[in-house]
Amino acid sequence: MSTDKRTWQQLAELAANEKDPDKLRALIRELTEALDQQAKDTPRPTLQHLSKRLLFVDDEEGIRETLPLLLQARGFDVRVVATVPEALSEIRTHKFDVLLSDLNIGKDGDGFTVVKAMRRAQPNCVTVLLTGYPAFESALKAIHDEVDDYFVKPAELDSLISTIERKLLARRYPTQST
């Protein structure tokens, strides 16, 4: 056997054609070592590698003043708006990784209006709806509109953030398990 390291692809090809059981076992051991080494050498995606630009839409002043501060403390770059027209303007002029929107925003539309606009403009953006008035109909509509998640206010902060981060990782690295 050569002292040069063979790639896992070369080893797999050799193993596929090997008839001798002892040689096959040796090739499989070498293949396993090569794959283990490749896994060690390949940087794994982490939350630090993620862009976390977040648009937060809510018509309640209290939550607009508090939740963004908590999100910023967790590494999110947060833009805050209070109305659907403001949200639509932000979507047209800025790039976002996450949309976190109240469901019942006001007379100019609702969270679904904002989600649809975001999906059209930035299809890879993670979308999460918040609502103080959960209903079966709105949850079903969220499923049909392919909203990434739906939280009832007051949402538990750690659960909200871990869900957003998990969805971001899955969106950015679809072949990685999260």
N, C-alpha and C. Protein backbone atom coordinates (compact mmCIF):
# COMPACT_ATOMS: atom_id res chain seq x y z
N MET A 1 0.84 -1.17 0.00
CA MET A 1 0.00 0.00 0.00
C MET A 1 0.89 1.23 0.00
N SER A 2 0.52 2.25 -0.76
CA SER A 2 1.28 3.48 -0.90
C SER A 2 1.21 4.29 0.38
N THR A 3 2.27 5.08 0.65
CA THR A 3 2.28 5.93 1.83
C THR A 3 1.56 7.25 1.58
N ASP A 4 1.24 7.54 0.30
CA ASP A 4 0.48 8.75 -0.02
C ASP A 4 -0.96 8.57 0.47
N LYS A 5 -1.50 9.66 1.01
CA LYS A 5 -2.90 9.62 1.46
C LYS A 5 -3.81 9.64 0.24
N ARG A 6 -4.76 8.73 0.24
CA ARG A 6 -5.74 8.69 -0.84
C ARG A 6 -6.99 9.42 -0.39
N THR A 7 -7.69 10.01 -1.35
CA THR A 7 -8.94 10.70 -1.01
C THR A 7 -10.01 9.67 -0.70
N TRP A 8 -11.05 10.13 -0.02
CA TRP A 8 -12.13 9.20 0.30
C TRP A 8 -12.81 8.70 -0.97
N GLN A 9 -12.82 9.55 -2.01
CA GLN A 9 -13.44 9.13 -3.28
C GLN A 9 -12.64 7.98 -3.91
N GLN A 10 -11.30 8.11 -3.87
CA GLN A 10 -10.45 7.04 -4.41
C GLN A 10 -10.65 5.76 -3.62
N LEU A 11 -10.70 5.90 -2.29
CA LEU A 11 -10.87 4.73 -1.43
C LEU A 11 -12.23 4.07 -1.65
N ALA A 12 -13.26 4.87 -1.82
CA ALA A 12 -14.60 4.32 -2.05
C ALA A 12 -14.64 3.55 -3.37
N GLU A 13 -13.98 4.10 -4.38
CA GLU A 13 -13.94 3.43 -5.67
C GLU A 13 -13.19 2.09 -5.57
N LEU A 14 -12.06 2.09 -4.87
CA LEU A 14 -11.31 0.85 -4.68
C LEU A 14 -12.14 -0.18 -3.91
N ALA A 15 -12.81 0.28 -2.85
CA ALA A 15 -13.61 -0.62 -2.03
C ALA A 15 -14.77 -1.22 -2.83
N ALA A 16 -15.35 -0.43 -3.70
CA ALA A 16 -16.48 -0.91 -4.50
C ALA A 16 -16.08 -2.06 -5.42
N ASN A 17 -14.81 -2.10 -5.82
CA ASN A 17 -14.34 -3.12 -6.76
C ASN A 17 -13.52 -4.23 -6.10
N GLU A 18 -13.30 -4.13 -4.78
CA GLU A 18 -12.43 -5.11 -4.10
C GLU A 18 -13.21 -6.39 -3.78
N LYS A 19 -12.63 -7.53 -4.15
CA LYS A 19 -13.27 -8.83 -3.90
C LYS A 19 -12.71 -9.53 -2.66
N ASP A 20 -11.46 -9.25 -2.32
CA ASP A 20 -10.81 -9.88 -1.18
C ASP A 20 -11.35 -9.26 0.12
N PRO A 21 -11.97 -10.06 1.02
CA PRO A 21 -12.57 -9.51 2.24
C PRO A 21 -11.56 -8.80 3.15
N ASP A 22 -10.34 -9.31 3.26
CA ASP A 22 -9.34 -8.68 4.13
C ASP A 22 -8.93 -7.31 3.58
N LYS A 23 -8.70 -7.26 2.26
CA LYS A 23 -8.34 -5.98 1.63
C LYS A 23 -9.51 -4.99 1.73
N LEU A 24 -10.74 -5.51 1.59
CA LEU A 24 -11.92 -4.66 1.67
C LEU A 24 -12.03 -4.04 3.07
N ARG A 25 -11.82 -4.86 4.12
CA ARG A 25 -11.87 -4.33 5.49
C ARG A 25 -10.81 -3.25 5.70
N ALA A 26 -9.61 -3.47 5.16
CA ALA A 26 -8.54 -2.47 5.30
C ALA A 26 -8.91 -1.18 4.56
N LEU A 27 -9.50 -1.32 3.39
CA LEU A 27 -9.93 -0.14 2.64
C LEU A 27 -11.03 0.62 3.40
N ILE A 28 -11.95 -0.11 4.00
CA ILE A 28 -13.04 0.52 4.75
C ILE A 28 -12.48 1.27 5.96
N ARG A 29 -11.49 0.66 6.65
CA ARG A 29 -10.86 1.36 7.78
C ARG A 29 -10.19 2.66 7.31
N GLU A 30 -9.47 2.57 6.19
CA GLU A 30 -8.79 3.74 5.65
C GLU A 30 -9.82 4.79 5.19
N LEU A 31 -10.90 4.32 4.59
CA LEU A 31 -11.96 5.23 4.15
C LEU A 31 -12.58 5.94 5.34
N THR A 32 -12.85 5.22 6.41
CA THR A 32 -13.42 5.80 7.62
C THR A 32 -12.49 6.86 8.19
N GLU A 33 -11.19 6.55 8.24
CA GLU A 33 -10.22 7.53 8.73
C GLU A 33 -10.20 8.77 7.85
N ALA A 34 -10.26 8.59 6.55
CA ALA A 34 -10.24 9.73 5.62
C ALA A 34 -11.48 10.60 5.82
N LEU A 35 -12.65 9.97 6.00
CA LEU A 35 -13.88 10.73 6.22
C LEU A 35 -13.86 11.45 7.57
N ASP A 36 -13.33 10.78 8.59
CA ASP A 36 -13.21 11.42 9.90
C ASP A 36 -12.29 12.64 9.83
N GLN A 37 -11.18 12.50 9.11
CA GLN A 37 -10.24 13.62 8.97
C GLN A 37 -10.88 14.77 8.20
N GLN A 38 -11.63 14.44 7.15
CA GLN A 38 -12.29 15.49 6.38
C GLN A 38 -13.30 16.23 7.26
N ALA A 39 -14.03 15.50 8.09
CA ALA A 39 -15.01 16.13 8.98
C ALA A 39 -14.31 17.07 9.97
N LYS A 40 -13.14 16.67 10.46
CA LYS A 40 -12.39 17.53 11.39
C LYS A 40 -11.86 18.77 10.68
N ASP A 41 -11.48 18.63 9.41
CA ASP A 41 -10.89 19.74 8.66
C ASP A 41 -11.93 20.70 8.10
N THR A 42 -13.18 20.27 8.01
CA THR A 42 -14.24 21.10 7.43
C THR A 42 -14.86 21.95 8.53
N PRO A 43 -14.83 23.28 8.37
CA PRO A 43 -15.44 24.11 9.40
C PRO A 43 -16.95 23.89 9.46
N ARG A 44 -17.45 23.68 10.66
CA ARG A 44 -18.89 23.49 10.83
C ARG A 44 -19.55 24.85 11.00
N PRO A 45 -20.71 25.03 10.39
CA PRO A 45 -21.39 26.31 10.54
C PRO A 45 -21.79 26.53 11.99
N THR A 46 -21.61 27.75 12.44
CA THR A 46 -22.01 28.11 13.79
C THR A 46 -22.85 29.37 13.71
N LEU A 47 -23.45 29.72 14.81
CA LEU A 47 -24.27 30.92 14.84
C LEU A 47 -23.45 32.17 14.58
N GLN A 48 -22.14 32.14 14.92
CA GLN A 48 -21.30 33.30 14.68
C GLN A 48 -21.12 33.56 13.19
N HIS A 49 -21.29 32.54 12.36
CA HIS A 49 -21.16 32.71 10.92
C HIS A 49 -22.42 33.28 10.28
N LEU A 50 -23.49 33.37 11.03
CA LEU A 50 -24.77 33.79 10.48
C LEU A 50 -24.93 35.30 10.48
N SER A 51 -25.49 35.80 9.41
CA SER A 51 -25.95 37.18 9.38
C SER A 51 -27.31 37.16 10.07
N LYS A 52 -27.54 38.10 10.96
CA LYS A 52 -28.77 38.09 11.74
C LYS A 52 -29.47 39.45 11.66
N ARG A 53 -29.72 39.89 10.42
CA ARG A 53 -30.45 41.15 10.20
C ARG A 53 -31.94 40.86 10.32
N LEU A 54 -32.59 41.53 11.25
CA LEU A 54 -33.97 41.20 11.60
C LEU A 54 -34.86 42.43 11.47
N LEU A 55 -35.99 42.26 10.80
CA LEU A 55 -37.03 43.30 10.75
C LEU A 55 -38.10 42.91 11.76
N PHE A 56 -38.35 43.81 12.71
CA PHE A 56 -39.37 43.58 13.73
C PHE A 56 -40.53 44.53 13.48
N VAL A 57 -41.73 43.96 13.33
CA VAL A 57 -42.93 44.75 13.01
C VAL A 57 -43.96 44.52 14.12
N ASP A 58 -44.32 45.61 14.82
CA ASP A 58 -45.35 45.49 15.86
C ASP A 58 -45.92 46.87 16.14
N ASP A 59 -47.23 46.95 16.27
CA ASP A 59 -47.86 48.25 16.52
C ASP A 59 -47.92 48.61 18.00
N GLU A 60 -47.54 47.70 18.89
CA GLU A 60 -47.55 47.97 20.32
C GLU A 60 -46.22 48.62 20.73
N GLU A 61 -46.31 49.85 21.21
CA GLU A 61 -45.10 50.60 21.55
C GLU A 61 -44.24 49.89 22.60
N GLY A 62 -44.85 49.33 23.62
CA GLY A 62 -44.10 48.68 24.69
C GLY A 62 -43.22 47.55 24.19
N ILE A 63 -43.76 46.71 23.34
CA ILE A 63 -42.98 45.58 22.83
C ILE A 63 -41.93 46.07 21.82
N ARG A 64 -42.24 47.15 21.07
CA ARG A 64 -41.26 47.71 20.14
C ARG A 64 -40.06 48.28 20.87
N GLU A 65 -40.27 48.72 22.11
CA GLU A 65 -39.17 49.30 22.88
C GLU A 65 -38.36 48.26 23.64
N THR A 66 -38.96 47.11 23.95
CA THR A 66 -38.26 46.13 24.79
C THR A 66 -37.67 44.95 24.01
N LEU A 67 -38.48 44.31 23.17
CA LEU A 67 -38.00 43.10 22.49
C LEU A 67 -36.77 43.36 21.61
N PRO A 68 -36.72 44.46 20.85
CA PRO A 68 -35.51 44.69 20.04
C PRO A 68 -34.22 44.77 20.87
N LEU A 69 -34.30 45.34 22.08
CA LEU A 69 -33.12 45.42 22.93
C LEU A 69 -32.65 44.02 23.33
N LEU A 70 -33.61 43.15 23.63
CA LEU A 70 -33.27 41.77 24.00
C LEU A 70 -32.68 41.02 22.80
N LEU A 71 -33.23 41.27 21.62
CA LEU A 71 -32.71 40.62 20.41
C LEU A 71 -31.31 41.13 20.07
N GLN A 72 -31.09 42.43 20.23
CA GLN A 72 -29.77 43.00 19.99
C GLN A 72 -28.74 42.42 20.94
N ALA A 73 -29.13 42.20 22.18
CA ALA A 73 -28.22 41.61 23.16
C ALA A 73 -27.83 40.18 22.76
N ARG A 74 -28.63 39.54 21.93
CA ARG A 74 -28.35 38.18 21.45
C ARG A 74 -27.71 38.19 20.06
N GLY A 75 -27.26 39.35 19.61
CA GLY A 75 -26.50 39.40 18.36
C GLY A 75 -27.28 39.75 17.11
N PHE A 76 -28.54 40.11 17.24
CA PHE A 76 -29.34 40.48 16.08
C PHE A 76 -29.17 41.96 15.77
N ASP A 77 -29.14 42.28 14.49
CA ASP A 77 -29.15 43.66 14.01
C ASP A 77 -30.60 43.96 13.68
N VAL A 78 -31.27 44.74 14.54
CA VAL A 78 -32.73 44.88 14.48
C VAL A 78 -33.15 46.24 13.92
N ARG A 79 -34.06 46.20 12.97
CA ARG A 79 -34.76 47.39 12.48
C ARG A 79 -36.20 47.24 12.95
N VAL A 80 -36.79 48.33 13.45
CA VAL A 80 -38.11 48.27 14.06
C VAL A 80 -39.07 49.22 13.33
N VAL A 81 -40.26 48.70 13.02
CA VAL A 81 -41.32 49.51 12.43
C VAL A 81 -42.65 49.18 13.10
N ALA A 82 -43.62 50.12 12.95
CA ALA A 82 -44.89 49.97 13.66
C ALA A 82 -46.07 49.67 12.75
N THR A 83 -45.89 49.84 11.42
CA THR A 83 -47.04 49.69 10.52
C THR A 83 -46.67 48.83 9.31
N VAL A 84 -47.69 48.36 8.63
CA VAL A 84 -47.48 47.58 7.40
C VAL A 84 -46.78 48.42 6.34
N PRO A 85 -47.23 49.67 6.06
CA PRO A 85 -46.52 50.47 5.05
C PRO A 85 -45.03 50.67 5.38
N GLU A 86 -44.72 50.90 6.65
CA GLU A 86 -43.30 51.04 7.05
C GLU A 86 -42.56 49.73 6.80
N ALA A 87 -43.17 48.61 7.11
CA ALA A 87 -42.55 47.31 6.88
C ALA A 87 -42.28 47.09 5.40
N LEU A 88 -43.26 47.41 4.56
CA LEU A 88 -43.10 47.22 3.12
C LEU A 88 -41.97 48.09 2.58
N SER A 89 -41.84 49.30 3.10
CA SER A 89 -40.75 50.19 2.69
C SER A 89 -39.40 49.60 3.10
N GLU A 90 -39.30 49.09 4.31
CA GLU A 90 -38.05 48.47 4.78
C GLU A 90 -37.68 47.26 3.92
N ILE A 91 -38.67 46.46 3.57
CA ILE A 91 -38.43 45.27 2.76
C ILE A 91 -37.89 45.66 1.38
N ARG A 92 -38.41 46.76 0.83
CA ARG A 92 -37.94 47.23 -0.48
C ARG A 92 -36.52 47.79 -0.42
N THR A 93 -36.12 48.34 0.71
CA THR A 93 -34.85 49.08 0.77
C THR A 93 -33.73 48.40 1.55
N HIS A 94 -34.02 47.34 2.26
CA HIS A 94 -32.99 46.67 3.06
C HIS A 94 -33.07 45.15 2.89
N LYS A 95 -31.97 44.49 3.15
CA LYS A 95 -31.89 43.03 3.11
C LYS A 95 -32.05 42.51 4.54
N PHE A 96 -32.87 41.48 4.70
CA PHE A 96 -33.10 40.89 6.02
C PHE A 96 -32.91 39.38 5.97
N ASP A 97 -32.51 38.83 7.12
CA ASP A 97 -32.40 37.39 7.29
C ASP A 97 -33.62 36.84 8.01
N VAL A 98 -34.25 37.71 8.82
CA VAL A 98 -35.39 37.30 9.65
C VAL A 98 -36.45 38.38 9.63
N LEU A 99 -37.70 37.95 9.51
CA LEU A 99 -38.85 38.82 9.73
C LEU A 99 -39.56 38.30 10.96
N LEU A 100 -39.71 39.17 11.95
CA LEU A 100 -40.48 38.85 13.15
C LEU A 100 -41.61 39.87 13.19
N SER A 101 -42.83 39.41 12.93
CA SER A 101 -43.95 40.34 12.78
C SER A 101 -45.13 39.94 13.65
N ASP A 102 -45.74 40.98 14.21
CA ASP A 102 -47.02 40.81 14.88
C ASP A 102 -48.03 40.41 13.81
N LEU A 103 -49.02 39.66 14.18
CA LEU A 103 -50.05 39.26 13.23
C LEU A 103 -51.06 40.40 13.01
N ASN A 104 -51.53 40.99 14.10
CA ASN A 104 -52.53 42.06 14.03
C ASN A 104 -51.82 43.40 14.17
N ILE A 105 -51.48 44.01 13.01
CA ILE A 105 -50.66 45.22 13.03
C ILE A 105 -51.51 46.49 12.93
N GLY A 106 -52.57 46.46 12.20
CA GLY A 106 -53.36 47.67 12.05
C GLY A 106 -54.26 47.61 10.84
N LYS A 107 -54.79 48.76 10.48
CA LYS A 107 -55.79 48.82 9.41
C LYS A 107 -55.21 48.65 8.01
N ASP A 108 -53.90 48.83 7.83
CA ASP A 108 -53.29 48.76 6.50
C ASP A 108 -52.89 47.35 6.09
N GLY A 109 -53.22 46.37 6.86
CA GLY A 109 -52.85 44.99 6.55
C GLY A 109 -52.51 44.27 7.84
N ASP A 110 -51.95 43.08 7.69
CA ASP A 110 -51.60 42.29 8.86
C ASP A 110 -50.25 41.62 8.64
N GLY A 111 -49.88 40.78 9.57
CA GLY A 111 -48.61 40.08 9.47
C GLY A 111 -48.50 39.24 8.20
N PHE A 112 -49.60 38.71 7.73
CA PHE A 112 -49.57 37.92 6.49
C PHE A 112 -49.21 38.79 5.29
N THR A 113 -49.68 40.03 5.29
CA THR A 113 -49.32 40.97 4.22
C THR A 113 -47.81 41.17 4.19
N VAL A 114 -47.23 41.35 5.36
CA VAL A 114 -45.78 41.57 5.47
C VAL A 114 -45.02 40.30 5.08
N VAL A 115 -45.49 39.14 5.53
CA VAL A 115 -44.84 37.87 5.18
C VAL A 115 -44.83 37.67 3.67
N LYS A 116 -45.97 37.91 3.03
CA LYS A 116 -46.05 37.72 1.58
C LYS A 116 -45.09 38.65 0.85
N ALA A 117 -45.02 39.91 1.29
CA ALA A 117 -44.10 40.87 0.66
C ALA A 117 -42.65 40.41 0.85
N MET A 118 -42.34 39.93 2.04
CA MET A 118 -40.97 39.46 2.31
C MET A 118 -40.66 38.23 1.47
N ARG A 119 -41.58 37.31 1.36
CA ARG A 119 -41.36 36.09 0.57
C ARG A 119 -41.09 36.44 -0.90
N ARG A 120 -41.82 37.45 -1.42
CA ARG A 120 -41.60 37.85 -2.81
C ARG A 120 -40.23 38.52 -2.98
N ALA A 121 -39.90 39.43 -2.06
CA ALA A 121 -38.67 40.22 -2.20
C ALA A 121 -37.42 39.45 -1.77
N GLN A 122 -37.55 38.66 -0.70
CA GLN A 122 -36.39 37.98 -0.10
C GLN A 122 -36.81 36.57 0.31
N PRO A 123 -36.89 35.66 -0.67
CA PRO A 123 -37.46 34.33 -0.41
C PRO A 123 -36.72 33.49 0.64
N ASN A 124 -35.47 33.79 0.92
CA ASN A 124 -34.73 33.00 1.91
C ASN A 124 -34.84 33.54 3.32
N CYS A 125 -35.57 34.61 3.50
CA CYS A 125 -35.74 35.21 4.82
C CYS A 125 -36.60 34.29 5.69
N VAL A 126 -36.16 34.08 6.92
CA VAL A 126 -36.94 33.31 7.90
C VAL A 126 -38.08 34.20 8.38
N THR A 127 -39.30 33.68 8.36
CA THR A 127 -40.47 34.46 8.77
C THR A 127 -41.13 33.85 10.00
N VAL A 128 -41.34 34.70 11.00
CA VAL A 128 -41.96 34.27 12.26
C VAL A 128 -43.05 35.27 12.62
N LEU A 129 -44.22 34.75 12.93
CA LEU A 129 -45.35 35.59 13.35
C LEU A 129 -45.53 35.51 14.86
N LEU A 130 -45.90 36.64 15.44
CA LEU A 130 -46.27 36.73 16.86
C LEU A 130 -47.72 37.15 16.92
N THR A 131 -48.47 36.61 17.85
CA THR A 131 -49.84 37.06 18.02
C THR A 131 -50.27 36.97 19.48
N GLY A 132 -51.03 37.97 19.87
CA GLY A 132 -51.63 37.95 21.20
C GLY A 132 -53.01 37.32 21.17
N TYR A 133 -53.49 37.04 19.94
CA TYR A 133 -54.83 36.49 19.75
C TYR A 133 -54.76 35.25 18.87
N PRO A 134 -54.26 34.15 19.42
CA PRO A 134 -54.13 32.94 18.59
C PRO A 134 -55.48 32.38 18.21
N ALA A 135 -55.54 31.89 17.00
CA ALA A 135 -56.77 31.26 16.52
C ALA A 135 -56.39 30.15 15.56
N PHE A 136 -57.22 29.15 15.50
CA PHE A 136 -56.98 28.02 14.60
C PHE A 136 -56.84 28.51 13.16
N GLU A 137 -57.69 29.44 12.76
CA GLU A 137 -57.69 29.94 11.38
C GLU A 137 -56.37 30.61 11.03
N SER A 138 -55.85 31.44 11.95
CA SER A 138 -54.58 32.13 11.64
C SER A 138 -53.41 31.14 11.66
N ALA A 139 -53.44 30.17 12.54
CA ALA A 139 -52.38 29.16 12.54
C ALA A 139 -52.41 28.35 11.25
N LEU A 140 -53.59 28.00 10.78
CA LEU A 140 -53.73 27.27 9.53
C LEU A 140 -53.25 28.11 8.35
N LYS A 141 -53.60 29.39 8.34
CA LYS A 141 -53.14 30.29 7.28
C LYS A 141 -51.62 30.40 7.31
N ALA A 142 -51.04 30.44 8.50
CA ALA A 142 -49.57 30.50 8.62
C ALA A 142 -48.93 29.27 7.98
N ILE A 143 -49.54 28.12 8.17
CA ILE A 143 -49.03 26.89 7.55
C ILE A 143 -49.13 26.99 6.03
N HIS A 144 -50.29 27.42 5.54
CA HIS A 144 -50.50 27.53 4.09
C HIS A 144 -49.58 28.57 3.46
N ASP A 145 -49.28 29.65 4.19
CA ASP A 145 -48.40 30.70 3.68
C ASP A 145 -46.93 30.39 3.91
N GLU A 146 -46.66 29.20 4.43
CA GLU A 146 -45.29 28.73 4.69
C GLU A 146 -44.51 29.65 5.61
N VAL A 147 -45.18 30.14 6.64
CA VAL A 147 -44.51 30.90 7.69
C VAL A 147 -43.62 29.90 8.44
N ASP A 148 -42.41 30.33 8.78
CA ASP A 148 -41.48 29.41 9.43
C ASP A 148 -41.89 29.04 10.85
N ASP A 149 -42.51 29.98 11.57
CA ASP A 149 -43.03 29.64 12.90
C ASP A 149 -44.04 30.68 13.34
N TYR A 150 -44.74 30.35 14.42
CA TYR A 150 -45.88 31.12 14.90
C TYR A 150 -45.83 31.05 16.42
N PHE A 151 -45.67 32.21 17.08
CA PHE A 151 -45.57 32.24 18.53
C PHE A 151 -46.70 33.07 19.11
N VAL A 152 -47.17 32.64 20.28
CA VAL A 152 -48.21 33.37 21.00
C VAL A 152 -47.53 34.29 22.01
N LYS A 153 -47.98 35.56 22.03
CA LYS A 153 -47.46 36.53 23.00
C LYS A 153 -48.04 36.23 24.38
N PRO A 154 -47.31 36.42 25.41
CA PRO A 154 -45.90 36.77 25.40
C PRO A 154 -45.06 35.53 25.10
N ALA A 155 -44.24 35.62 24.08
CA ALA A 155 -43.41 34.48 23.69
C ALA A 155 -42.25 34.33 24.67
N GLU A 156 -41.89 33.10 24.94
CA GLU A 156 -40.74 32.82 25.81
C GLU A 156 -39.49 33.14 24.98
N LEU A 157 -38.68 34.09 25.44
CA LEU A 157 -37.57 34.65 24.67
C LEU A 157 -36.57 33.60 24.22
N ASP A 158 -36.13 32.72 25.12
CA ASP A 158 -35.14 31.71 24.73
C ASP A 158 -35.68 30.78 23.65
N SER A 159 -36.94 30.41 23.75
CA SER A 159 -37.55 29.54 22.75
C SER A 159 -37.65 30.27 21.40
N LEU A 160 -38.06 31.53 21.43
CA LEU A 160 -38.15 32.33 20.21
C LEU A 160 -36.79 32.45 19.54
N ILE A 161 -35.78 32.81 20.29
CA ILE A 161 -34.45 33.01 19.72
C ILE A 161 -33.85 31.69 19.23
N SER A 162 -33.99 30.63 19.99
CA SER A 162 -33.42 29.35 19.55
C SER A 162 -34.12 28.86 18.28
N THR A 163 -35.42 29.09 18.18
CA THR A 163 -36.15 28.71 16.96
C THR A 163 -35.65 29.51 15.77
N ILE A 164 -35.51 30.82 15.94
CA ILE A 164 -35.01 31.67 14.85
C ILE A 164 -33.61 31.23 14.42
N GLU A 165 -32.74 31.01 15.39
CA GLU A 165 -31.36 30.61 15.05
C GLU A 165 -31.32 29.24 14.37
N ARG A 166 -32.14 28.32 14.84
CA ARG A 166 -32.19 26.99 14.21
C ARG A 166 -32.68 27.10 12.76
N LYS A 167 -33.70 27.93 12.55
CA LYS A 167 -34.23 28.12 11.19
C LYS A 167 -33.20 28.82 10.30
N LEU A 168 -32.46 29.78 10.86
CA LEU A 168 -31.40 30.45 10.10
C LEU A 168 -30.32 29.45 9.67
N LEU A 169 -29.88 28.62 10.60
CA LEU A 169 -28.87 27.61 10.26
C LEU A 169 -29.39 26.66 9.18
N ALA A 170 -30.62 26.22 9.33
CA ALA A 170 -31.20 25.29 8.35
C ALA A 170 -31.33 25.95 6.97
N ARG A 171 -31.66 27.23 6.96
CA ARG A 171 -31.83 27.95 5.70
C ARG A 171 -30.48 28.18 5.03
N ARG A 172 -29.47 28.50 5.83
CA ARG A 172 -28.14 28.81 5.27
C ARG A 172 -27.36 27.55 4.89
N TYR A 173 -27.55 26.50 5.66
CA TYR A 173 -26.80 25.25 5.44
C TYR A 173 -27.78 24.10 5.38
N PRO A 174 -28.54 23.99 4.28
CA PRO A 174 -29.63 23.00 4.22
C PRO A 174 -29.17 21.56 4.34
N THR A 175 -27.92 21.26 4.03
CA THR A 175 -27.48 19.87 4.13
C THR A 175 -26.99 19.52 5.53
N GLN A 176 -26.84 20.52 6.38
CA GLN A 176 -26.40 20.28 7.76
C GLN A 176 -27.61 19.97 8.62
N SER A 177 -27.47 19.06 9.54
CA SER A 177 -28.57 18.82 10.48
C SER A 177 -28.43 19.82 11.62
N THR A 178 -29.58 20.33 12.06
CA THR A 178 -29.55 21.32 13.16
C THR A 178 -30.35 20.83 14.32
